[in-house]
Amino acid sequence: MLDILRAGLLELGLDPGKAEELAAFAELVLERNRVMNLTAITDPADFARLHLLDSAALLNVADFGEKRVVDVGTGAGFPGVPLRILRGDFDLTLLDSTAKRVNFLAESCAALGLTRTDFVCARAEAFAAEHREGFDLAVSRAVAAMPVLCELCLPLVRVGGAFLAMKSARSDAELDGARRAIETLGGAVERVVDYAVPGAGVVHRAVVVRKARPTPRAYPRAFGQIKKKPL
């Protein structure tokens, strides 16, 4: 795994010296995965490429330096924890609705000596009610349609900030279907960045949605409404 990580980080123009810390996090996830449902990817080489390097690629999409960043639906810590390992100069909130996952991430980050990180167990729509427009960047690799993700994430982003949605490179139709939601929520698609995941033979996508105007107070709605009737 270390050789894969070093080579991949070099390809991404990132510090290969962080490979050991990334591998240490991988070991923690894979060990806990024996008793918790954290990841379906358990082969170390695939884990390195499809979780760690895929997350790391986001650092080439936006400037995270001294930003307030929230990872919505972080799950096993992706993309947030690899970003935290690779850069220590921003404030990170890892947000997930499952307490066991949040507790695992808090334990893991403490074991790795990672700082400037908060761990929150809450539903995104409830968290947004108390932290509205409180972040410079929201990131998410959650498996949900763009209109749903945008309603959960854009209310958290300040005007001038951005939501970075990690998607398949074949998400054109999904993105087209989300434009009304993005406009309603005060956002605008700034750019779409397709990138090769080092060594994986696949291309993934980051959609950069810039927050152009405040999100109307009516959003986000209760999750049942969001899911039943997406914008």
Protein backbone atom coordinates (compact mmCIF):
# COMPACT_ATOMS: atom_id res chain seq x y z
CA MET A 1 0.00 0.00 0.00
CA LEU A 2 2.81 2.42 0.82
CA ASP A 3 4.32 2.25 -2.67
CA ILE A 4 0.91 2.83 -4.24
CA LEU A 5 0.28 5.83 -1.99
CA ARG A 6 3.70 7.37 -2.53
CA ALA A 7 3.43 7.04 -6.31
CA GLY A 8 -0.14 8.34 -6.32
CA LEU A 9 0.65 11.35 -4.15
CA LEU A 10 3.57 12.24 -6.41
CA GLU A 11 1.28 11.99 -9.44
CA LEU A 12 -1.17 14.35 -7.75
CA GLY A 13 1.63 16.78 -6.85
CA LEU A 14 1.14 16.14 -3.13
CA ASP A 15 3.57 15.24 -0.34
CA PRO A 16 4.58 11.54 -0.63
CA GLY A 17 5.88 11.76 2.92
CA LYS A 18 2.27 11.57 4.11
CA ALA A 19 1.87 8.03 2.74
CA GLU A 20 2.64 6.44 6.11
CA GLU A 21 -0.08 8.41 7.89
CA LEU A 22 -2.61 7.58 5.19
CA ALA A 23 -1.69 3.90 5.44
CA ALA A 24 -2.07 4.06 9.23
CA PHE A 25 -5.60 5.42 8.82
CA ALA A 26 -6.36 2.67 6.31
CA GLU A 27 -5.29 0.07 8.85
CA LEU A 28 -7.62 1.57 11.45
CA VAL A 29 -10.58 1.56 9.04
CA LEU A 30 -9.97 -1.98 7.79
CA GLU A 31 -9.50 -3.32 11.31
CA ARG A 32 -12.71 -1.71 12.60
CA ASN A 33 -14.50 -2.83 9.43
CA ARG A 34 -14.34 -6.37 10.81
CA VAL A 35 -17.04 -5.44 13.31
CA MET A 36 -18.61 -2.35 11.69
CA ASN A 37 -19.94 -1.60 8.25
CA LEU A 38 -17.46 1.09 7.18
CA THR A 39 -16.40 0.11 3.66
CA ALA A 40 -17.08 -2.49 0.98
CA ILE A 41 -13.56 -1.96 -0.37
CA THR A 42 -11.24 -4.16 1.68
CA ASP A 43 -8.38 -4.95 -0.71
CA PRO A 44 -5.50 -2.72 0.50
CA ALA A 45 -4.46 -1.65 -3.01
CA ASP A 46 -8.02 -0.76 -4.00
CA PHE A 47 -8.54 0.99 -0.67
CA ALA A 48 -5.43 3.09 -1.26
CA ARG A 49 -6.53 4.16 -4.72
CA LEU A 50 -10.32 4.39 -4.51
CA HIS A 51 -10.60 5.86 -1.03
CA LEU A 52 -7.36 7.60 -0.08
CA LEU A 53 -6.03 8.89 -3.42
CA ASP A 54 -9.51 9.70 -4.69
CA SER A 55 -10.06 11.87 -1.61
CA ALA A 56 -6.60 13.42 -1.92
CA ALA A 57 -7.35 14.57 -5.47
CA LEU A 58 -9.80 17.12 -4.06
CA LEU A 59 -6.85 19.21 -2.89
CA ASN A 60 -6.17 20.01 -6.55
CA VAL A 61 -9.73 21.26 -7.05
CA ALA A 62 -9.92 23.98 -4.37
CA ASP A 63 -7.71 25.87 -1.94
CA PHE A 64 -8.38 24.53 1.56
CA GLY A 65 -5.84 26.76 3.32
CA GLU A 66 -7.29 28.40 6.46
CA LYS A 67 -10.83 27.54 5.38
CA ARG A 68 -13.71 26.27 7.51
CA VAL A 69 -14.60 22.93 5.93
CA VAL A 70 -17.47 20.50 6.61
CA ASP A 71 -17.53 16.95 5.26
CA VAL A 72 -21.23 16.07 4.97
CA GLY A 73 -22.07 12.38 5.34
CA THR A 74 -18.43 11.53 5.95
CA GLY A 75 -19.11 7.85 6.71
CA ALA A 76 -15.74 6.17 7.25
CA GLY A 77 -14.03 9.56 6.94
CA PHE A 78 -13.92 10.22 3.21
CA PRO A 79 -12.86 12.60 1.89
CA GLY A 80 -12.33 14.48 5.16
CA VAL A 81 -9.69 12.45 7.01
CA PRO A 82 -7.28 12.06 4.07
CA LEU A 83 -7.60 15.80 3.45
CA ARG A 84 -6.85 16.41 7.16
CA ILE A 85 -3.78 14.14 7.02
CA LEU A 86 -2.43 15.83 3.90
CA ARG A 87 -3.07 19.39 5.09
CA GLY A 88 -3.24 20.66 8.63
CA ASP A 89 -3.96 24.31 7.86
CA PHE A 90 -7.75 24.37 7.84
CA ASP A 91 -10.60 23.72 10.30
CA LEU A 92 -12.53 20.52 9.58
CA THR A 93 -15.90 19.25 10.78
CA LEU A 94 -16.71 15.60 10.11
CA LEU A 95 -20.51 15.25 10.02
CA ASP A 96 -22.40 11.97 10.01
CA SER A 97 -25.72 10.75 11.37
CA THR A 98 -24.34 7.47 12.78
CA ALA A 99 -22.85 7.74 16.26
CA LYS A 100 -20.64 4.64 15.93
CA ARG A 101 -18.96 6.08 12.85
CA VAL A 102 -18.42 9.48 14.44
CA ASN A 103 -16.96 7.87 17.58
CA PHE A 104 -14.64 5.75 15.44
CA LEU A 105 -13.42 8.83 13.58
CA ALA A 106 -12.80 10.72 16.82
CA GLU A 107 -10.80 7.78 18.19
CA SER A 108 -8.84 7.36 14.95
CA CYS A 109 -7.96 11.03 14.59
CA ALA A 110 -6.82 11.12 18.22
CA ALA A 111 -4.64 8.05 17.63
CA LEU A 112 -3.11 9.70 14.56
CA GLY A 113 -2.53 13.00 16.37
CA LEU A 114 -4.75 14.98 14.02
CA THR A 115 -5.93 18.39 15.22
CA ARG A 116 -8.28 21.21 14.17
CA THR A 117 -11.05 18.62 13.68
CA ASP A 118 -14.56 18.47 15.15
CA PHE A 119 -16.77 15.36 15.13
CA VAL A 120 -20.53 15.83 14.93
CA CYS A 121 -23.26 13.20 15.01
CA ALA A 122 -26.31 14.83 13.46
CA ARG A 123 -28.47 14.81 10.38
CA ALA A 124 -27.22 17.37 7.89
CA GLU A 125 -30.53 19.23 7.68
CA ALA A 126 -30.66 19.61 11.49
CA PHE A 127 -27.01 20.68 11.67
CA ALA A 128 -27.65 23.31 8.97
CA ALA A 129 -30.36 24.89 11.11
CA GLU A 130 -27.74 25.76 13.75
CA HIS A 131 -24.72 26.37 11.51
CA ARG A 132 -26.29 28.12 8.57
CA GLU A 133 -23.71 29.61 6.17
CA GLY A 134 -20.98 28.88 8.71
CA PHE A 135 -18.46 27.22 6.39
CA ASP A 136 -16.23 28.26 3.52
CA LEU A 137 -16.35 24.83 1.90
CA ALA A 138 -18.66 21.83 2.10
CA VAL A 139 -17.45 18.55 0.63
CA SER A 140 -19.34 15.31 0.15
CA ARG A 141 -18.72 11.92 -1.35
CA ALA A 142 -22.07 10.65 -0.09
CA VAL A 143 -24.12 8.43 -2.38
CA ALA A 144 -27.08 10.69 -3.07
CA ALA A 145 -28.47 12.54 -6.06
CA MET A 146 -27.18 16.07 -6.66
CA PRO A 147 -30.49 17.85 -5.81
CA VAL A 148 -30.52 16.08 -2.44
CA LEU A 149 -26.84 16.75 -1.74
CA CYS A 150 -27.19 20.40 -2.70
CA GLU A 151 -30.11 20.94 -0.33
CA LEU A 152 -28.15 19.35 2.51
CA CYS A 153 -24.85 21.12 1.78
CA LEU A 154 -25.44 24.56 0.25
CA PRO A 155 -27.26 25.99 3.29
CA LEU A 156 -24.05 25.35 5.28
CA VAL A 157 -21.87 27.38 2.90
CA ARG A 158 -21.32 31.11 3.21
CA VAL A 159 -21.91 33.37 0.22
CA GLY A 160 -18.71 33.26 -1.82
CA GLY A 161 -17.85 29.78 -0.56
CA ALA A 162 -18.36 26.53 -2.45
CA PHE A 163 -19.79 23.04 -2.29
CA LEU A 164 -17.54 20.34 -3.78
CA ALA A 165 -19.54 17.29 -4.81
CA MET A 166 -17.57 14.15 -5.66
CA LYS A 167 -19.33 12.28 -8.45
CA SER A 168 -18.94 9.80 -11.26
CA ALA A 169 -17.54 11.17 -14.51
CA ARG A 170 -20.78 9.94 -16.08
CA SER A 171 -22.94 12.32 -14.06
CA ASP A 172 -23.86 14.79 -16.82
CA ALA A 173 -27.57 13.92 -16.74
CA GLU A 174 -27.63 14.08 -12.94
CA LEU A 175 -25.98 17.49 -12.98
CA ASP A 176 -28.36 18.81 -15.62
CA GLY A 177 -31.26 17.62 -13.50
CA ALA A 178 -29.90 19.48 -10.46
CA ARG A 179 -29.55 22.94 -12.02
CA ARG A 180 -32.97 24.10 -10.83
CA ALA A 181 -32.17 22.97 -7.28
CA ILE A 182 -28.77 24.67 -7.36
CA GLU A 183 -30.31 27.94 -8.54
CA THR A 184 -33.11 27.75 -5.93
CA LEU A 185 -30.58 27.19 -3.14
CA GLY A 186 -28.44 30.17 -4.11
CA GLY A 187 -25.69 28.34 -5.96
CA ALA A 188 -24.19 28.31 -9.44
CA VAL A 189 -22.06 25.62 -11.07
CA GLU A 190 -18.64 27.21 -11.39
CA ARG A 191 -16.82 24.32 -13.03
CA VAL A 192 -16.68 20.57 -13.42
CA VAL A 193 -13.29 18.94 -12.84
CA ASP A 194 -12.68 15.41 -14.16
CA TYR A 195 -9.58 13.74 -12.77
CA ALA A 196 -7.86 10.37 -13.11
CA VAL A 197 -7.51 8.45 -9.86
CA PRO A 198 -3.81 7.48 -9.81
CA GLY A 199 -3.29 3.82 -10.64
CA ALA A 200 -7.00 2.97 -10.65
CA GLY A 201 -7.73 3.32 -14.36
CA VAL A 202 -10.87 5.35 -13.62
CA VAL A 203 -11.88 8.98 -13.97
CA HIS A 204 -13.92 10.66 -11.27
CA ARG A 205 -15.46 14.12 -11.09
CA ALA A 206 -15.66 17.05 -8.70
CA VAL A 207 -18.51 19.49 -9.28
CA VAL A 208 -17.74 22.94 -7.87
CA VAL A 209 -20.93 24.79 -6.91
CA ARG A 210 -20.22 28.37 -5.89
CA LYS A 211 -22.55 29.99 -3.33
CA ALA A 212 -23.74 33.12 -5.12
CA ARG A 213 -26.64 34.19 -2.87
CA PRO A 214 -27.99 33.30 0.58
CA THR A 215 -30.06 30.12 0.66
CA PRO A 216 -33.75 30.90 1.31
CA ARG A 217 -34.74 30.21 4.92
CA ALA A 218 -37.19 27.51 3.80
CA TYR A 219 -34.24 25.21 3.02
CA PRO A 220 -33.15 22.67 3.95
CA ARG A 221 -36.48 20.97 4.48
CA ALA A 222 -37.01 17.87 6.63
CA PHE A 223 -35.19 14.92 5.07
CA GLY A 224 -38.43 13.08 4.37
CA GLN A 225 -39.54 15.99 2.18
CA ILE A 226 -36.15 16.27 0.50
CA LYS A 227 -36.18 12.60 -0.42
CA LYS A 228 -39.84 12.43 -1.39
CA LYS A 229 -39.88 15.61 -3.47
CA PRO A 230 -36.36 16.70 -4.53
CA LEU A 231 -36.04 20.23 -5.87
